[in-house]
Amino acid sequence: MNASPPGPGSGPALPTSLDDLAPLPGHQRGIWPGLVLTGTITAAAFSLRELPGAAMLSPMILAVLAGMVFANVLGRQPPARAGLAFSQHTLLRLGIVLLGFQLTAGQVLAFGAGGLAIAASALAATFVFTLALGRLLGIDAGLVRLIAAGTSICGASAIVATNAVARAREEDVAYAVAAITLFGTAAMLAYPLLAPVLGLDPYSFGIWAGASIHEVAQVVGAGFQLGEAAGEAGVVAKLARVAMLAPMVILLGMAARRDTSAASPARPPVPWFVLSFIAVVSLNSVVDLPAGMRDGASLAATLLLTLGLAAVGLQTDISALRSRGLAPLLLALAASLFIACISLALVKLLG
């Protein structure tokens, strides 16, 4: 292969941003250096979970943090840019599609009208509250949407899905993931201690945890500390929130298209992976898939999401995070407290 650059007019124009790289086939851009790098960070993230106390963090979160450390200590690697773009755009979205194998319509319906009302009301109220407070604090709208989605829906997965229409910077994605991880972990540790003080029985506690804690792993960690009934109720409540990911992204996409100026090309209101997610949930609801296939899909989803978030970390400039200041962190804290309080009030009222 000739390594010399093409002369004027002799080849395609050079990319000017990562977005330019994303749609192009891997053989044209050399994605392997980036894939090897994200794969290495992913392997490190899974290994770090074996350390005492680290199992409470998902490999996705650890991959973001490890990628940030690598990029900001050793520097960014230009040859890896195409592979990082492929991981961040394509692999992340495939991972979200595979999340659909963890959910069926029957699980959501079995949650009951009261439980669904709690989850949906807390989600909608938290999202609106976060958007309003973020606007009041003067925080960039894209970052506010990411924090709102991560808090109200399902943590890092929701942040990634929302970014398909929010189009925030890599630093904003990393900031949102870090903030959601911090306060979700704090909730996981604090909720079991608060249960007896608040007079919650195991089932009500599980609903509260599932309706308000950010990550699925964090809900599991909090819920099963109070027994199997609390853990199972928490997981079902959390899956009900995950089911709301698709309609929320669709609504955000429609809003983004409406807000796009006439001078800019309109963005599609429904990303392809959201429709695919809905299709997978529908398939999983009507076809009794073998348990091994579902487990394999769950592992593949975690792996793909971890690869994608490793790429996010590898493209994050910590100095750019510092430039955001404390306001977004305070927003994430306020949103976390809000969803905890409103979901608790709804559990007490409707539970």
Protein backbone atom coordinates (compact mmCIF):
# COMPACT_ATOMS: atom_id res chain seq x y z
CA MET A 1 0.00 0.00 0.00
CA ASN A 2 1.33 3.41 -0.93
CA ALA A 3 1.71 5.48 2.25
CA SER A 4 2.30 8.81 0.50
CA PRO A 5 -0.53 11.35 0.77
CA PRO A 6 -2.67 11.86 -2.30
CA GLY A 7 -2.09 14.95 -4.36
CA PRO A 8 -4.68 17.67 -4.88
CA GLY A 9 -7.82 16.27 -6.40
CA SER A 10 -6.43 12.70 -6.41
CA GLY A 11 -8.46 11.30 -3.50
CA PRO A 12 -11.10 11.94 -0.88
CA ALA A 13 -10.77 14.96 1.36
CA LEU A 14 -9.17 14.45 4.74
CA PRO A 15 -11.60 14.33 7.69
CA THR A 16 -11.89 17.38 9.85
CA SER A 17 -13.60 15.74 12.86
CA LEU A 18 -14.38 12.37 14.42
CA ASP A 19 -17.91 12.60 13.07
CA ASP A 20 -16.45 12.53 9.57
CA LEU A 21 -14.77 9.23 10.36
CA ALA A 22 -17.76 7.47 11.87
CA PRO A 23 -19.77 6.48 8.79
CA LEU A 24 -16.82 5.20 6.76
CA PRO A 25 -16.02 1.47 6.43
CA GLY A 26 -13.28 0.14 8.68
CA HIS A 27 -10.99 -1.01 5.85
CA GLN A 28 -10.80 2.58 4.57
CA ARG A 29 -9.87 4.12 7.90
CA GLY A 30 -7.84 1.43 9.66
CA ILE A 31 -9.96 0.85 12.74
CA TRP A 32 -7.73 -1.84 14.24
CA PRO A 33 -5.35 0.37 16.27
CA GLY A 34 -8.33 1.98 17.97
CA LEU A 35 -10.11 -1.34 18.50
CA VAL A 36 -6.99 -2.86 20.05
CA LEU A 37 -6.70 0.13 22.36
CA THR A 38 -10.36 0.06 23.41
CA GLY A 39 -10.11 -3.71 23.81
CA THR A 40 -7.14 -3.31 26.13
CA ILE A 41 -8.96 -0.72 28.23
CA THR A 42 -12.04 -2.97 28.32
CA ALA A 43 -9.98 -5.93 29.51
CA ALA A 44 -8.47 -3.73 32.20
CA ALA A 45 -11.96 -2.61 33.29
CA PHE A 46 -13.18 -6.19 33.70
CA SER A 47 -10.00 -7.06 35.59
CA LEU A 48 -10.38 -4.07 37.92
CA ARG A 49 -13.78 -5.39 39.03
CA GLU A 50 -11.94 -8.23 40.76
CA LEU A 51 -10.39 -5.77 43.20
CA PRO A 52 -12.01 -5.49 46.65
CA GLY A 53 -14.85 -2.98 46.58
CA ALA A 54 -14.71 -2.47 42.81
CA ALA A 55 -17.41 -5.02 41.98
CA MET A 56 -20.06 -2.40 42.79
CA LEU A 57 -18.97 -0.48 39.71
CA SER A 58 -19.93 -1.71 36.26
CA PRO A 59 -17.15 -2.38 33.72
CA MET A 60 -18.62 0.45 31.65
CA ILE A 61 -17.86 2.97 34.37
CA LEU A 62 -14.39 1.56 35.00
CA ALA A 63 -13.66 1.68 31.26
CA VAL A 64 -14.48 5.40 31.10
CA LEU A 65 -12.21 6.12 34.05
CA ALA A 66 -9.37 3.92 32.78
CA GLY A 67 -9.61 5.47 29.33
CA MET A 68 -9.45 8.97 30.78
CA VAL A 69 -6.36 8.10 32.82
CA PHE A 70 -4.64 6.54 29.79
CA ALA A 71 -5.41 9.45 27.46
CA ASN A 72 -4.44 12.17 29.90
CA VAL A 73 -1.26 10.50 31.22
CA LEU A 74 0.13 8.97 28.04
CA GLY A 75 -1.57 11.31 25.57
CA ARG A 76 -4.09 10.69 22.82
CA GLN A 77 -3.11 8.33 20.03
CA PRO A 78 -3.84 9.79 16.54
CA PRO A 79 -3.60 6.39 14.74
CA ALA A 80 -6.42 5.15 16.96
CA ARG A 81 -8.93 7.85 16.02
CA ALA A 82 -10.88 5.83 13.46
CA GLY A 83 -11.21 2.82 15.74
CA LEU A 84 -12.29 5.00 18.62
CA ALA A 85 -14.95 6.61 16.45
CA PHE A 86 -16.17 3.17 15.34
CA SER A 87 -16.35 1.98 18.95
CA GLN A 88 -18.10 5.10 20.17
CA HIS A 89 -20.66 5.28 17.38
CA THR A 90 -21.34 1.76 16.09
CA LEU A 91 -20.42 -0.58 18.94
CA LEU A 92 -22.17 1.50 21.57
CA ARG A 93 -25.39 1.52 19.59
CA LEU A 94 -25.23 -2.23 18.98
CA GLY A 95 -24.82 -2.69 22.72
CA ILE A 96 -27.97 -0.70 23.40
CA VAL A 97 -29.87 -2.81 20.86
CA LEU A 98 -28.79 -5.99 22.70
CA LEU A 99 -30.08 -4.55 25.97
CA GLY A 100 -33.51 -5.33 24.57
CA PHE A 101 -32.93 -9.03 25.31
CA GLN A 102 -33.08 -8.19 29.03
CA LEU A 103 -36.63 -6.90 28.77
CA THR A 104 -40.04 -8.21 27.79
CA ALA A 105 -43.43 -6.56 27.63
CA GLY A 106 -44.65 -9.14 30.15
CA GLN A 107 -42.10 -8.00 32.72
CA VAL A 108 -43.24 -4.43 32.39
CA LEU A 109 -46.94 -5.33 32.55
CA ALA A 110 -46.36 -7.60 35.56
CA PHE A 111 -45.04 -4.57 37.38
CA GLY A 112 -48.63 -3.37 37.63
CA ALA A 113 -50.32 -0.07 36.93
CA GLY A 114 -49.24 1.43 40.25
CA GLY A 115 -45.60 0.52 39.79
CA LEU A 116 -45.57 1.79 36.23
CA ALA A 117 -47.16 5.04 37.37
CA ILE A 118 -44.43 5.47 40.00
CA ALA A 119 -41.59 4.80 37.54
CA ALA A 120 -43.03 6.90 34.72
CA SER A 121 -44.01 9.84 36.93
CA ALA A 122 -40.66 9.95 38.70
CA LEU A 123 -38.82 9.72 35.37
CA ALA A 124 -40.81 12.49 33.68
CA ALA A 125 -40.72 14.81 36.68
CA THR A 126 -36.98 14.34 37.15
CA PHE A 127 -36.25 14.95 33.49
CA VAL A 128 -38.25 18.19 33.44
CA PHE A 129 -36.78 19.33 36.78
CA THR A 130 -33.22 18.71 35.57
CA LEU A 131 -33.75 20.57 32.30
CA ALA A 132 -35.27 23.55 34.12
CA LEU A 133 -32.55 23.71 36.78
CA GLY A 134 -29.81 23.27 34.19
CA ARG A 135 -31.18 26.18 32.20
CA LEU A 136 -31.35 28.27 35.39
CA LEU A 137 -27.71 27.46 36.18
CA GLY A 138 -26.62 28.36 32.64
CA ILE A 139 -25.21 24.91 31.84
CA ASP A 140 -24.81 23.85 28.21
CA ALA A 141 -28.07 22.29 26.99
CA GLY A 142 -26.39 19.16 25.62
CA LEU A 143 -24.73 18.33 28.94
CA VAL A 144 -27.97 19.04 30.80
CA ARG A 145 -29.86 16.53 28.62
CA LEU A 146 -27.23 13.88 29.28
CA ILE A 147 -27.42 14.36 33.05
CA ALA A 148 -31.23 14.39 32.88
CA ALA A 149 -31.32 11.12 30.92
CA GLY A 150 -28.72 9.38 33.06
CA THR A 151 -30.51 10.31 36.28
CA SER A 152 -34.08 9.68 35.21
CA ILE A 153 -33.73 6.59 32.99
CA CYS A 154 -30.81 4.18 33.26
CA GLY A 155 -27.41 5.71 33.87
CA ALA A 156 -24.60 5.35 31.35
CA SER A 157 -26.72 3.51 28.76
CA ALA A 158 -29.24 6.35 28.69
CA ILE A 159 -26.46 8.93 28.44
CA VAL A 160 -25.05 7.15 25.40
CA ALA A 161 -28.46 6.79 23.75
CA THR A 162 -29.39 10.41 24.42
CA ASN A 163 -26.12 11.63 22.99
CA ALA A 164 -27.19 10.28 19.61
CA VAL A 165 -29.59 13.21 19.42
CA ALA A 166 -28.00 15.62 21.92
CA ARG A 167 -24.68 15.53 20.01
CA ALA A 168 -22.69 16.66 23.05
CA ARG A 169 -18.89 16.63 23.25
CA GLU A 170 -16.94 13.57 24.42
CA GLU A 171 -15.99 15.51 27.54
CA ASP A 172 -19.66 16.12 28.30
CA VAL A 173 -20.45 12.42 27.97
CA ALA A 174 -17.59 11.56 30.32
CA TYR A 175 -18.65 14.26 32.78
CA ALA A 176 -22.24 13.01 32.82
CA VAL A 177 -21.17 9.38 33.26
CA ALA A 178 -18.80 10.29 36.10
CA ALA A 179 -21.44 12.37 37.90
CA ILE A 180 -24.14 9.73 37.52
CA THR A 181 -21.75 7.04 38.76
CA LEU A 182 -20.80 9.07 41.82
CA PHE A 183 -24.35 9.75 42.99
CA GLY A 184 -25.72 6.37 41.91
CA THR A 185 -23.04 4.63 43.98
CA ALA A 186 -23.81 6.88 46.94
CA ALA A 187 -27.50 5.95 46.63
CA MET A 188 -26.66 2.23 46.44
CA LEU A 189 -24.81 2.49 49.75
CA ALA A 190 -27.24 4.82 51.51
CA TYR A 191 -30.65 3.37 50.55
CA PRO A 192 -30.42 0.12 52.60
CA LEU A 193 -29.50 2.17 55.68
CA LEU A 194 -32.48 4.45 55.15
CA ALA A 195 -35.07 1.69 54.65
CA PRO A 196 -35.83 1.05 58.35
CA VAL A 197 -35.79 4.77 59.12
CA LEU A 198 -38.36 5.40 56.39
CA GLY A 199 -40.51 2.43 57.42
CA LEU A 200 -40.28 0.67 54.06
CA ASP A 201 -41.08 -3.04 53.74
CA PRO A 202 -38.83 -5.06 51.37
CA TYR A 203 -41.19 -4.78 48.38
CA SER A 204 -41.69 -1.03 48.77
CA PHE A 205 -37.97 -0.55 49.25
CA GLY A 206 -37.27 -2.46 46.04
CA ILE A 207 -39.71 -0.30 44.09
CA TRP A 208 -38.10 2.84 45.52
CA ALA A 209 -34.60 1.65 44.64
CA GLY A 210 -35.57 0.56 41.12
CA ALA A 211 -37.47 3.77 40.44
CA SER A 212 -34.67 6.11 41.51
CA ILE A 213 -31.17 4.56 41.52
CA HIS A 214 -29.31 5.13 38.25
CA GLU A 215 -27.56 1.93 37.09
CA VAL A 216 -29.02 -1.59 36.96
CA ALA A 217 -25.98 -2.93 38.84
CA GLN A 218 -26.48 -0.30 41.54
CA VAL A 219 -30.15 -1.28 41.91
CA VAL A 220 -29.13 -4.91 42.31
CA GLY A 221 -26.48 -3.95 44.85
CA ALA A 222 -28.96 -1.96 46.94
CA GLY A 223 -32.05 -4.15 46.55
CA PHE A 224 -30.65 -7.56 47.45
CA GLN A 225 -29.12 -6.20 50.64
CA LEU A 226 -32.67 -6.32 52.04
CA GLY A 227 -33.47 -9.76 50.69
CA GLU A 228 -34.69 -11.50 47.55
CA ALA A 229 -38.13 -9.86 47.49
CA ALA A 230 -36.60 -6.38 47.61
CA GLY A 231 -33.99 -7.25 44.98
CA GLU A 232 -36.49 -8.73 42.53
CA ALA A 233 -38.90 -5.79 42.94
CA GLY A 234 -36.02 -3.38 42.36
CA VAL A 235 -34.90 -5.11 39.18
CA VAL A 236 -38.41 -5.14 37.71
CA ALA A 237 -38.89 -1.46 38.56
CA LYS A 238 -35.56 -0.67 36.96
CA LEU A 239 -36.45 -2.61 33.80
CA ALA A 240 -39.65 -0.57 33.57
CA ARG A 241 -37.49 2.55 33.47
CA VAL A 242 -35.21 0.98 30.85
CA ALA A 243 -38.29 0.35 28.71
CA MET A 244 -38.88 4.09 28.65
CA LEU A 245 -35.49 4.72 27.06
CA ALA A 246 -36.79 4.31 23.51
CA PRO A 247 -39.74 6.73 23.71
CA MET A 248 -37.62 9.28 25.54
CA VAL A 249 -34.92 9.24 22.84
CA ILE A 250 -37.60 9.48 20.15
CA LEU A 251 -39.09 12.55 21.82
CA LEU A 252 -35.66 14.14 22.21
CA GLY A 253 -34.89 13.42 18.57
CA MET A 254 -38.10 15.10 17.47
CA ALA A 255 -37.30 18.10 19.65
CA ALA A 256 -33.79 18.29 18.23
CA ARG A 257 -35.14 18.23 14.69
CA ARG A 258 -37.63 20.99 15.48
CA ASP A 259 -34.91 23.12 17.08
CA THR A 260 -32.47 22.69 14.22
CA SER A 261 -32.01 25.92 12.29
CA ALA A 262 -32.97 26.10 8.66
CA ALA A 263 -29.30 26.51 7.75
CA SER A 264 -28.43 23.11 9.20
CA PRO A 265 -29.52 19.71 7.92
CA ALA A 266 -32.32 18.25 9.99
CA ARG A 267 -31.30 15.39 12.22
CA PRO A 268 -33.40 12.21 12.09
CA PRO A 269 -35.91 12.13 14.95
CA VAL A 270 -35.48 8.38 15.56
CA PRO A 271 -31.97 6.86 15.56
CA TRP A 272 -31.84 3.41 13.94
CA PHE A 273 -30.70 1.71 17.11
CA VAL A 274 -33.82 2.85 18.99
CA LEU A 275 -36.08 1.16 16.45
CA SER A 276 -33.83 -1.91 16.65
CA PHE A 277 -34.08 -1.88 20.45
CA ILE A 278 -37.89 -1.85 20.21
CA ALA A 279 -37.77 -4.71 17.69
CA VAL A 280 -35.55 -6.80 19.97
CA VAL A 281 -37.83 -6.22 22.97
CA SER A 282 -40.82 -7.23 20.83
CA LEU A 283 -39.03 -10.39 19.67
CA ASN A 284 -38.02 -11.23 23.22
CA SER A 285 -41.65 -10.77 24.30
CA VAL A 286 -43.19 -13.21 21.81
CA VAL A 287 -40.42 -15.80 21.34
CA ASP A 288 -39.23 -17.96 24.22
CA LEU A 289 -35.51 -17.71 23.64
CA PRO A 290 -33.14 -20.16 25.37
CA ALA A 291 -31.66 -18.89 28.61
CA GLY A 292 -28.16 -19.35 27.21
CA MET A 293 -28.95 -17.07 24.29
CA ARG A 294 -30.29 -14.36 26.60
CA ASP A 295 -27.26 -14.63 28.85
CA GLY A 296 -24.98 -14.42 25.84
CA ALA A 297 -26.80 -11.33 24.57
CA SER A 298 -26.51 -9.73 28.01
CA LEU A 299 -22.77 -10.38 28.11
CA ALA A 300 -22.35 -9.10 24.55
CA ALA A 301 -24.31 -5.94 25.40
CA THR A 302 -22.07 -5.27 28.40
CA LEU A 303 -18.96 -5.91 26.33
CA LEU A 304 -20.02 -3.62 23.47
CA LEU A 305 -21.10 -0.84 25.82
CA THR A 306 -17.80 -1.14 27.68
CA LEU A 307 -15.82 -0.91 24.44
CA GLY A 308 -17.77 2.17 23.43
CA LEU A 309 -17.38 3.91 26.75
CA ALA A 310 -13.67 3.07 26.80
CA ALA A 311 -13.50 5.07 23.56
CA VAL A 312 -15.33 7.95 25.25
CA GLY A 313 -12.78 7.94 28.05
CA LEU A 314 -9.87 7.79 25.61
CA GLN A 315 -11.12 10.94 23.90
CA THR A 316 -11.76 12.92 27.07
CA ASP A 317 -9.59 15.85 28.02
CA ILE A 318 -9.63 16.29 31.80
CA SER A 319 -8.73 19.96 31.44
CA ALA A 320 -11.92 20.40 29.42
CA LEU A 321 -13.86 18.71 32.23
CA ARG A 322 -12.38 21.13 34.75
CA SER A 323 -13.44 24.03 32.56
CA ARG A 324 -17.07 22.98 33.10
CA GLY A 325 -16.74 23.80 36.78
CA LEU A 326 -18.88 22.46 39.61
CA ALA A 327 -22.26 23.57 38.27
CA PRO A 328 -22.97 20.35 36.29
CA LEU A 329 -21.93 18.26 39.32
CA LEU A 330 -24.34 20.21 41.52
CA LEU A 331 -27.02 19.70 38.89
CA ALA A 332 -26.47 15.93 38.97
CA LEU A 333 -26.64 15.97 42.78
CA ALA A 334 -29.87 17.98 42.76
CA ALA A 335 -31.39 15.66 40.14
CA SER A 336 -30.42 12.57 42.15
CA LEU A 337 -31.95 13.98 45.32
CA PHE A 338 -35.07 14.99 43.41
CA ILE A 339 -35.72 11.54 41.94
CA ALA A 340 -35.05 9.92 45.32
CA CYS A 341 -37.57 12.18 47.06
CA ILE A 342 -40.31 12.12 44.44
CA SER A 343 -40.15 8.36 43.92
CA LEU A 344 -40.26 7.82 47.71
CA ALA A 345 -43.31 10.08 47.97
CA LEU A 346 -45.01 8.14 45.15
CA VAL A 347 -44.19 4.80 46.76
CA LYS A 348 -45.71 6.00 50.02
CA LEU A 349 -48.76 7.37 48.19
CA LEU A 350 -49.42 4.59 45.67
CA GLY A 351 -47.53 1.62 47.10
